[in-house]
N, C-alpha and C. Protein backbone atom coordinates (compact mmCIF):
# COMPACT_ATOMS: atom_id res chain seq x y z
N MET A 1 -26.47 -21.51 2.40
CA MET A 1 -26.61 -20.60 1.28
C MET A 1 -27.55 -21.21 0.25
N SER A 2 -28.41 -20.41 -0.25
CA SER A 2 -29.32 -20.89 -1.27
C SER A 2 -28.92 -20.31 -2.62
N TRP A 3 -29.57 -20.76 -3.66
CA TRP A 3 -29.29 -20.30 -5.02
C TRP A 3 -29.54 -18.79 -5.15
N VAL A 4 -30.52 -18.28 -4.45
CA VAL A 4 -30.86 -16.86 -4.54
C VAL A 4 -29.70 -16.01 -4.03
N GLN A 5 -28.98 -16.46 -3.04
CA GLN A 5 -27.86 -15.69 -2.52
C GLN A 5 -26.63 -15.77 -3.42
N ILE A 6 -26.47 -16.86 -4.14
CA ILE A 6 -25.29 -17.04 -4.98
C ILE A 6 -25.48 -16.36 -6.35
N GLU A 7 -26.68 -16.35 -6.88
CA GLU A 7 -26.95 -15.89 -8.24
C GLU A 7 -26.49 -14.47 -8.53
N PRO A 8 -26.68 -13.48 -7.67
CA PRO A 8 -26.24 -12.13 -8.05
C PRO A 8 -24.74 -12.00 -8.29
N ARG A 9 -23.95 -12.88 -7.71
CA ARG A 9 -22.50 -12.80 -7.93
C ARG A 9 -22.06 -13.51 -9.20
N ALA A 10 -22.85 -14.42 -9.71
CA ALA A 10 -22.44 -15.25 -10.84
C ALA A 10 -22.14 -14.43 -12.10
N PRO A 11 -22.96 -13.46 -12.50
CA PRO A 11 -22.61 -12.73 -13.73
C PRO A 11 -21.29 -11.97 -13.62
N SER A 12 -20.98 -11.43 -12.46
CA SER A 12 -19.71 -10.71 -12.34
C SER A 12 -18.52 -11.66 -12.40
N ILE A 13 -18.69 -12.84 -11.88
CA ILE A 13 -17.61 -13.84 -11.96
C ILE A 13 -17.41 -14.26 -13.41
N ARG A 14 -18.50 -14.47 -14.14
CA ARG A 14 -18.38 -14.84 -15.55
C ARG A 14 -17.73 -13.72 -16.36
N SER A 15 -18.13 -12.50 -16.09
CA SER A 15 -17.56 -11.37 -16.82
C SER A 15 -16.08 -11.21 -16.54
N SER A 16 -15.70 -11.34 -15.29
CA SER A 16 -14.29 -11.18 -14.96
C SER A 16 -13.46 -12.33 -15.52
N SER A 17 -13.98 -13.54 -15.52
CA SER A 17 -13.20 -14.64 -16.10
C SER A 17 -13.11 -14.51 -17.61
N ALA A 18 -14.14 -13.99 -18.26
CA ALA A 18 -14.05 -13.76 -19.70
C ALA A 18 -13.01 -12.69 -20.01
N LEU A 19 -12.97 -11.65 -19.20
CA LEU A 19 -11.97 -10.60 -19.39
C LEU A 19 -10.57 -11.15 -19.17
N LEU A 20 -10.38 -11.94 -18.13
CA LEU A 20 -9.06 -12.51 -17.86
C LEU A 20 -8.63 -13.47 -18.96
N ALA A 21 -9.57 -14.14 -19.59
CA ALA A 21 -9.22 -15.04 -20.69
C ALA A 21 -8.88 -14.27 -21.96
N THR A 22 -9.42 -13.06 -22.11
CA THR A 22 -9.20 -12.27 -23.31
C THR A 22 -7.89 -11.49 -23.27
N ILE A 23 -7.46 -11.11 -22.09
CA ILE A 23 -6.27 -10.26 -21.97
C ILE A 23 -5.02 -10.88 -22.61
N PRO A 24 -4.68 -12.14 -22.36
CA PRO A 24 -3.46 -12.68 -23.00
C PRO A 24 -3.55 -12.70 -24.52
N VAL A 25 -4.72 -13.00 -25.06
CA VAL A 25 -4.89 -13.01 -26.51
C VAL A 25 -4.71 -11.61 -27.08
N ALA A 26 -5.27 -10.61 -26.42
CA ALA A 26 -5.14 -9.23 -26.88
C ALA A 26 -3.68 -8.77 -26.82
N VAL A 27 -2.97 -9.15 -25.77
CA VAL A 27 -1.56 -8.77 -25.64
C VAL A 27 -0.74 -9.42 -26.75
N LEU A 28 -0.98 -10.69 -27.02
CA LEU A 28 -0.25 -11.35 -28.10
C LEU A 28 -0.54 -10.70 -29.45
N PHE A 29 -1.79 -10.33 -29.68
CA PHE A 29 -2.12 -9.68 -30.95
C PHE A 29 -1.40 -8.35 -31.09
N VAL A 30 -1.38 -7.55 -30.03
CA VAL A 30 -0.71 -6.25 -30.09
C VAL A 30 0.79 -6.43 -30.33
N VAL A 31 1.40 -7.40 -29.67
CA VAL A 31 2.84 -7.62 -29.81
C VAL A 31 3.20 -8.09 -31.22
N PHE A 32 2.39 -9.00 -31.78
CA PHE A 32 2.74 -9.59 -33.07
C PHE A 32 1.95 -9.00 -34.23
N GLN A 33 1.28 -7.88 -34.03
CA GLN A 33 0.44 -7.30 -35.07
C GLN A 33 1.24 -6.96 -36.33
N ARG A 34 2.43 -6.43 -36.18
CA ARG A 34 3.21 -6.06 -37.36
C ARG A 34 3.56 -7.28 -38.21
N TYR A 35 3.77 -8.43 -37.56
CA TYR A 35 4.08 -9.64 -38.32
C TYR A 35 2.84 -10.17 -39.03
N PHE A 36 1.68 -10.07 -38.39
CA PHE A 36 0.44 -10.50 -39.03
C PHE A 36 0.19 -9.69 -40.30
N VAL A 37 0.33 -8.39 -40.20
CA VAL A 37 0.06 -7.52 -41.34
C VAL A 37 1.10 -7.74 -42.43
N ARG A 38 2.37 -7.84 -42.07
CA ARG A 38 3.43 -8.04 -43.07
C ARG A 38 3.23 -9.35 -43.82
N ASP A 39 2.95 -10.43 -43.09
CA ASP A 39 2.77 -11.73 -43.74
C ASP A 39 1.50 -11.76 -44.59
N ALA A 40 0.46 -11.06 -44.16
CA ALA A 40 -0.76 -11.00 -44.98
C ALA A 40 -0.49 -10.24 -46.27
N ASN A 41 0.29 -9.19 -46.20
CA ASN A 41 0.62 -8.43 -47.41
C ASN A 41 1.58 -9.19 -48.31
N ASP A 42 2.47 -9.98 -47.75
CA ASP A 42 3.38 -10.78 -48.57
C ASP A 42 2.62 -11.82 -49.39
N GLY A 43 1.56 -12.32 -48.83
CA GLY A 43 0.79 -13.36 -49.53
C GLY A 43 -0.21 -12.82 -50.53
N ALA A 44 -0.38 -11.52 -50.58
CA ALA A 44 -1.36 -10.95 -51.50
C ALA A 44 -0.81 -10.89 -52.92
N ASP A 45 -1.65 -11.22 -53.88
CA ASP A 45 -1.25 -11.14 -55.28
C ASP A 45 -1.92 -9.92 -55.92
N LYS A 46 -1.13 -9.20 -56.69
CA LYS A 46 -1.69 -8.05 -57.38
C LYS A 46 -1.95 -8.48 -58.83
N GLY A 47 -3.13 -8.19 -59.27
CA GLY A 47 -3.33 -8.52 -60.66
C GLY A 47 -4.70 -8.91 -60.97
């Protein structure tokens, strides 16, 4: 196998691994979103 045969598959592998790395972070954000917003509002000062 030469580089020319491997190269067309490389971008799809990078894209899929980036997606797989992003999914757990997105799930955690969705699950804990209400706590992020509540704590951000608790720390806000009015005045």
